[in-house]
C-alpha atoms as a PDB file:
ATOM      1  CA  MET A   1      -1.339  -5.545   9.068  1.00  0.00           C
ATOM      2  CA  ILE A   2       1.291  -4.444   6.598  1.00  0.00           C
ATOM      3  CA  SER A   3       5.033  -4.996   6.970  1.00  0.00           C
ATOM      4  CA  ARG A   4       7.825  -3.008   5.393  1.00  0.00           C
ATOM      5  CA  ILE A   5      11.030  -4.946   4.814  1.00  0.00           C
ATOM      6  CA  SER A   6      14.380  -3.488   3.780  1.00  0.00           C
ATOM      7  CA  ALA A   7      17.512  -5.289   2.612  1.00  0.00           C
ATOM      8  CA  GLU A   8      20.865  -4.248   1.188  1.00  0.00           C
ATOM      9  CA  PHE A   9      22.592  -5.859  -1.788  1.00  0.00           C
ATOM     10  CA  GLU A  10      26.093  -5.387  -3.184  1.00  0.00           C
ATOM     11  CA  THR A  11      24.952  -4.574  -6.740  1.00  0.00           C
ATOM     12  CA  PRO A  12      21.728  -3.553  -8.483  1.00  0.00           C
ATOM     13  CA  GLU A  13      21.823  -6.771 -10.518  1.00  0.00           C
ATOM     14  CA  LEU A  14      21.668  -8.919  -7.370  1.00  0.00           C
ATOM     15  CA  ALA A  15      18.779  -6.804  -6.087  1.00  0.00           C
ATOM     16  CA  GLU A  16      16.867  -7.194  -9.367  1.00  0.00           C
ATOM     17  CA  THR A  17      17.320 -10.967  -9.258  1.00  0.00           C
ATOM     18  CA  ALA A  18      15.970 -11.073  -5.708  1.00  0.00           C
ATOM     19  CA  ILE A  19      13.005  -8.884  -6.693  1.00  0.00           C
ATOM     20  CA  MET A  20      12.122 -11.216  -9.583  1.00  0.00           C
ATOM     21  CA  ARG A  21      12.286 -14.211  -7.232  1.00  0.00           C
ATOM     22  CA  LEU A  22      10.086 -12.422  -4.685  1.00  0.00           C
ATOM     23  CA  ARG A  23       7.439 -11.529  -7.248  1.00  0.00           C
ATOM     24  CA  SER A  24       7.287 -15.077  -8.571  1.00  0.00           C
ATOM     25  CA  SER A  25       7.233 -16.908  -5.229  1.00  0.00           C
ATOM     26  CA  THR A  26       5.590 -14.596  -2.668  1.00  0.00           C
ATOM     27  CA  ASN A  27       2.753 -12.114  -2.424  1.00  0.00           C
ATOM     28  CA  VAL A  28       4.234  -8.582  -2.292  1.00  0.00           C
ATOM     29  CA  ARG A  29       2.316  -5.319  -2.578  1.00  0.00           C
ATOM     30  CA  SER A  30       5.127  -3.033  -3.789  1.00  0.00           C
ATOM     31  CA  VAL A  31       8.872  -3.055  -4.326  1.00  0.00           C
ATOM     32  CA  ASN A  32      11.243  -0.070  -4.532  1.00  0.00           C
ATOM     33  CA  MET A  33      14.953  -0.102  -5.248  1.00  0.00           C
ATOM     34  CA  VAL A  34      17.437   2.679  -4.424  1.00  0.00           C
ATOM     35  CA  TYR A  35      21.064   2.633  -5.582  1.00  0.00           C
ATOM     36  CA  ASN A  36      24.013   4.931  -6.183  1.00  0.00           C
ATOM     37  CA  LYS A  37      23.746   6.022  -9.821  1.00  0.00           C
ATOM     38  CA  SER A  38      27.013   7.966  -9.754  1.00  0.00           C
ATOM     39  CA  ALA A  39      28.881   4.638  -9.560  1.00  0.00           C
ATOM     40  CA  GLU A  40      28.200   4.168 -13.272  1.00  0.00           C
ATOM     41  CA  LYS A  41      30.494   7.133 -13.982  1.00  0.00           C
ATOM     42  CA  ALA A  42      33.472   5.198 -12.596  1.00  0.00           C
ATOM     43  CA  THR A  43      32.583   2.195 -14.749  1.00  0.00           C
ATOM     44  CA  ARG A  44      32.527   4.329 -17.917  1.00  0.00           C
ATOM     45  CA  LEU A  45      36.022   5.677 -17.128  1.00  0.00           C
ATOM     46  CA  GLN A  46      37.695   2.261 -17.167  1.00  0.00           C
ATOM     47  CA  ASN A  47      38.652   2.180 -20.862  1.00  0.00           C
ATOM     48  CA  GLY A  48      38.818   5.936 -21.474  1.00  0.00           C
ATOM     49  CA  THR A  49      41.606   8.443 -21.916  1.00  0.00           C
ATOM     50  CA  MET A  50      42.207  11.616 -19.929  1.00  0.00           C
ATOM     51  CA  TYR A  51      43.609  14.676 -21.675  1.00  0.00           C
ATOM     52  CA  THR A  52      45.484  17.438 -19.870  1.00  0.00           C
ATOM     53  CA  ILE A  53      46.109  20.703 -21.705  1.00  0.00           C
ATOM     54  CA  LEU A  54      49.250  22.564 -20.679  1.00  0.00           C
ATOM     55  CA  PRO A  55      49.255  26.230 -21.738  1.00  0.00           C
ATOM     56  CA  THR A  56      52.454  27.916 -22.893  1.00  0.00           C
ATOM     57  CA  ALA A  57      54.003  30.881 -21.141  1.00  0.00           C
ATOM     58  CA  VAL A  58      51.998  34.100 -21.275  1.00  0.00           C
ATOM     59  CA  THR A  59      54.946  36.054 -22.695  1.00  0.00           C
ATOM     60  CA  SER A  60      55.457  33.816 -25.722  1.00  0.00           C
ATOM     61  CA  TYR A  61      54.264  34.978 -29.124  1.00  0.00           C
ATOM     62  CA  ASN A  62      52.789  31.681 -30.183  1.00  0.00           C
ATOM     63  CA  TYR A  63      49.909  30.125 -28.340  1.00  0.00           C
ATOM     64  CA  TYR A  64      50.645  26.489 -28.926  1.00  0.00           C
ATOM     65  CA  THR A  65      49.783  24.263 -26.050  1.00  0.00           C
ATOM     66  CA  ALA A  66      50.937  20.825 -25.128  1.00  0.00           C
ATOM     67  CA  VAL A  67      48.478  18.020 -24.632  1.00  0.00           C
ATOM     68  CA  MET A  68      49.270  15.126 -22.352  1.00  0.00           C
ATOM     69  CA  GLU A  69      47.152  12.024 -22.523  1.00  0.00           C
ATOM     70  CA  SER A  70      46.971   9.226 -20.010  1.00  0.00           C
ATOM     71  CA  PRO A  71      44.697   6.247 -19.551  1.00  0.00           C
ATOM     72  CA  ALA A  72      41.758   7.005 -17.286  1.00  0.00           C
ATOM     73  CA  SER A  73      41.128   4.854 -14.284  1.00  0.00           C
ATOM     74  CA  GLU A  74      38.232   4.614 -11.903  1.00  0.00           C
ATOM     75  CA  ASP A  75      40.473   6.044  -9.164  1.00  0.00           C
ATOM     76  CA  VAL A  76      39.429   9.513 -10.363  1.00  0.00           C
ATOM     77  CA  VAL A  77      36.091   8.886  -8.639  1.00  0.00           C
ATOM     78  CA  SER A  78      36.450   8.475  -4.870  1.00  0.00           C
ATOM     79  CA  GLU A  79      35.790   5.046  -3.388  1.00  0.00           C
ATOM     80  CA  PRO A  80      32.511   5.826  -1.554  1.00  0.00           C
ATOM     81  CA  GLU A  81      31.025   7.084  -4.828  1.00  0.00           C
ATOM     82  CA  ARG A  82      32.098   3.878  -6.624  1.00  0.00           C
ATOM     83  CA  ARG A  83      30.069   1.637  -4.336  1.00  0.00           C
ATOM     84  CA  ARG A  84      27.095   0.047  -6.048  1.00  0.00           C
ATOM     85  CA  ASN A  85      25.225  -0.838  -2.860  1.00  0.00           C
ATOM     86  CA  THR A  86      21.508  -1.155  -3.442  1.00  0.00           C
ATOM     87  CA  THR A  87      18.709  -0.993  -0.894  1.00  0.00           C
ATOM     88  CA  VAL A  88      15.410  -2.750  -1.595  1.00  0.00           C
ATOM     89  CA  TYR A  89      12.179  -1.809   0.180  1.00  0.00           C
ATOM     90  CA  ILE A  90       9.294  -4.287   0.092  1.00  0.00           C
ATOM     91  CA  VAL A  91       5.742  -3.790   1.342  1.00  0.00           C
ATOM     92  CA  CYS A  92       3.816  -7.001   2.027  1.00  0.00           C
ATOM     93  CA  ASN A  93       1.220  -8.513   4.341  1.00  0.00           C
ATOM     94  CA  GLU A  94       2.429  -9.364   7.823  1.00  0.00           C
ATOM     95  CA  GLU A  95       1.783 -13.094   7.324  1.00  0.00           C
ATOM     96  CA  ASP A  96       4.040 -13.078   4.207  1.00  0.00           C
ATOM     97  CA  SER A  97       6.929 -11.228   5.881  1.00  0.00           C
ATOM     98  CA  GLY A  98       8.638 -14.436   7.039  1.00  0.00           C
ATOM     99  CA  ASN A  99       8.719 -15.836   3.499  1.00  0.00           C
ATOM    100  CA  VAL A 100       9.946 -12.523   2.062  1.00  0.00           C
ATOM    101  CA  LYS A 101      12.700 -12.292   4.663  1.00  0.00           C
ATOM    102  CA  SER A 102      13.790 -15.871   3.919  1.00  0.00           C
ATOM    103  CA  VAL A 103      13.968 -15.214   0.169  1.00  0.00           C
ATOM    104  CA  LEU A 104      15.989 -12.022   0.709  1.00  0.00           C
ATOM    105  CA  ASN A 105      18.474 -13.843   2.950  1.00  0.00           C
ATOM    106  CA  ALA A 106      18.767 -16.714   0.468  1.00  0.00           C
ATOM    107  CA  MET A 107      19.409 -14.312  -2.431  1.00  0.00           C
ATOM    108  CA  GLY A 108      22.294 -12.555  -0.643  1.00  0.00           C
ATOM    109  CA  GLY A 109      20.483  -9.730   1.130  1.00  0.00           C
ATOM    110  CA  LEU A 110      22.337  -8.057   3.981  1.00  0.00           C
ATOM    111  CA  ASN A 111      20.881  -6.220   6.987  1.00  0.00           C
ATOM    112  CA  VAL A 112      17.366  -7.518   6.370  1.00  0.00           C
ATOM    113  CA  LYS A 113      15.019  -5.578   8.651  1.00  0.00           C
ATOM    114  CA  VAL A 114      11.272  -6.006   9.182  1.00  0.00           C
ATOM    115  CA  ARG A 115       9.165  -3.048  10.354  1.00  0.00           C
ATOM    116  CA  GLN A 116       5.510  -3.311  11.235  1.00  0.00           C
END
């Protein structure tokens, strides 16, 4: 029989470390990793600058505009989109599922579930 195991990790880096440990110490058939890629947008905004262009009045003869600049923060991206939670799906033999589950728990996996 084949088992499908899923586990959640706080970051993709933790998930990748657990996957490397699984491949070196247990017999797994396949591994898939799913994570929120839009969270990287918030990380890129940390050291950036936001520019706001303020147009002049429509009735004025010159069209100069004012530019306001402010440091960008990751608060521009809402909190649920900033989460870097990663879900790992592992397919293995049923007799190896206990070892895989133990490794995932030891590496910081949350909500580890085994499905037959």
